[in-house]
Amino acid sequence: MAKVLHCRDVGFDCEGVISGDTEDDVMTQAAEHARTAHDMDDITPETAEQIRSKIRDE
């Protein structure tokens, strides 16, 4: 089952939607999205865990 993350669910005013086959796929894409769309160069383990908790089955 595919996984999906809505950037808005993490707390950003952003329409970004990231999907992948696994949570790790979504997390990799989310890290790139955070860098390019939100100027977040450093994602702490706490932030990563918050993001991971918002990933849902598609």
C-alpha atoms as a PDB file:
ATOM      1  CA  MET A   1       0.000   0.000   0.000  1.00  0.00           C
ATOM      2  CA  ALA A   2       1.358   3.423  -0.940  1.00  0.00           C
ATOM      3  CA  LYS A   3       2.163   6.029   1.701  1.00  0.00           C
ATOM      4  CA  VAL A   4       1.287   9.715   1.560  1.00  0.00           C
ATOM      5  CA  LEU A   5       2.245  12.862   3.464  1.00  0.00           C
ATOM      6  CA  HIS A   6       0.493  16.211   3.189  1.00  0.00           C
ATOM      7  CA  CYS A   7       2.874  19.031   4.039  1.00  0.00           C
ATOM      8  CA  ARG A   8       0.000  20.961   5.628  1.00  0.00           C
ATOM      9  CA  ASP A   9      -0.406  18.124   8.178  1.00  0.00           C
ATOM     10  CA  VAL A  10       3.099  18.862   9.446  1.00  0.00           C
ATOM     11  CA  GLY A  11       2.152  22.484  10.095  1.00  0.00           C
ATOM     12  CA  PHE A  12       3.215  24.320   6.957  1.00  0.00           C
ATOM     13  CA  ASP A  13       0.936  26.512   4.871  1.00  0.00           C
ATOM     14  CA  CYS A  14       1.786  24.387   1.856  1.00  0.00           C
ATOM     15  CA  GLU A  15      -0.213  22.308  -0.603  1.00  0.00           C
ATOM     16  CA  GLY A  16       2.649  19.844  -1.097  1.00  0.00           C
ATOM     17  CA  VAL A  17       1.732  16.158  -1.209  1.00  0.00           C
ATOM     18  CA  ILE A  18       4.438  13.516  -1.106  1.00  0.00           C
ATOM     19  CA  SER A  19       3.799   9.873  -1.868  1.00  0.00           C
ATOM     20  CA  GLY A  20       5.914   6.765  -2.067  1.00  0.00           C
ATOM     21  CA  ASP A  21       5.911   3.015  -1.716  1.00  0.00           C
ATOM     22  CA  THR A  22       7.328   3.070   1.819  1.00  0.00           C
ATOM     23  CA  GLU A  23       7.684   5.473   4.739  1.00  0.00           C
ATOM     24  CA  ASP A  24      11.397   5.715   3.939  1.00  0.00           C
ATOM     25  CA  ASP A  25      10.592   6.777   0.355  1.00  0.00           C
ATOM     26  CA  VAL A  26       8.280   9.487   1.681  1.00  0.00           C
ATOM     27  CA  MET A  27      10.833  10.641   4.263  1.00  0.00           C
ATOM     28  CA  THR A  28      13.547  10.973   1.610  1.00  0.00           C
ATOM     29  CA  GLN A  29      11.262  13.062  -0.579  1.00  0.00           C
ATOM     30  CA  ALA A  30      10.032  15.066   2.423  1.00  0.00           C
ATOM     31  CA  ALA A  31      13.608  15.980   3.342  1.00  0.00           C
ATOM     32  CA  GLU A  32      14.219  17.266  -0.191  1.00  0.00           C
ATOM     33  CA  HIS A  33      10.904  19.153  -0.159  1.00  0.00           C
ATOM     34  CA  ALA A  34      11.798  20.722   3.198  1.00  0.00           C
ATOM     35  CA  ARG A  35      15.131  21.913   1.785  1.00  0.00           C
ATOM     36  CA  THR A  36      13.805  23.289  -1.482  1.00  0.00           C
ATOM     37  CA  ALA A  37      10.369  24.614  -0.513  1.00  0.00           C
ATOM     38  CA  HIS A  38      10.906  25.631   3.110  1.00  0.00           C
ATOM     39  CA  ASP A  39      14.655  26.409   3.315  1.00  0.00           C
ATOM     40  CA  MET A  40      15.177  23.769   6.014  1.00  0.00           C
ATOM     41  CA  ASP A  41      18.762  22.594   5.636  1.00  0.00           C
ATOM     42  CA  ASP A  42      18.901  20.679   8.913  1.00  0.00           C
ATOM     43  CA  ILE A  43      16.126  18.319   9.994  1.00  0.00           C
ATOM     44  CA  THR A  44      16.476  17.267  13.616  1.00  0.00           C
ATOM     45  CA  PRO A  45      15.564  13.762  14.748  1.00  0.00           C
ATOM     46  CA  GLU A  46      12.591  15.268  16.589  1.00  0.00           C
ATOM     47  CA  THR A  47      11.328  16.974  13.440  1.00  0.00           C
ATOM     48  CA  ALA A  48      11.855  13.793  11.438  1.00  0.00           C
ATOM     49  CA  GLU A  49       9.786  11.848  13.956  1.00  0.00           C
ATOM     50  CA  GLN A  50       7.015  14.459  13.797  1.00  0.00           C
ATOM     51  CA  ILE A  51       6.995  14.202  10.005  1.00  0.00           C
ATOM     52  CA  ARG A  52       7.031  10.395  10.083  1.00  0.00           C
ATOM     53  CA  SER A  53       4.021  10.387  12.429  1.00  0.00           C
ATOM     54  CA  LYS A  54       1.947  12.239   9.799  1.00  0.00           C
ATOM     55  CA  ILE A  55       2.536   9.685   7.023  1.00  0.00           C
ATOM     56  CA  ARG A  56      -0.677   7.816   6.168  1.00  0.00           C
ATOM     57  CA  ASP A  57      -1.686   4.913   3.969  1.00  0.00           C
ATOM     58  CA  GLU A  58      -2.962   6.110   0.614  1.00  0.00           C
END
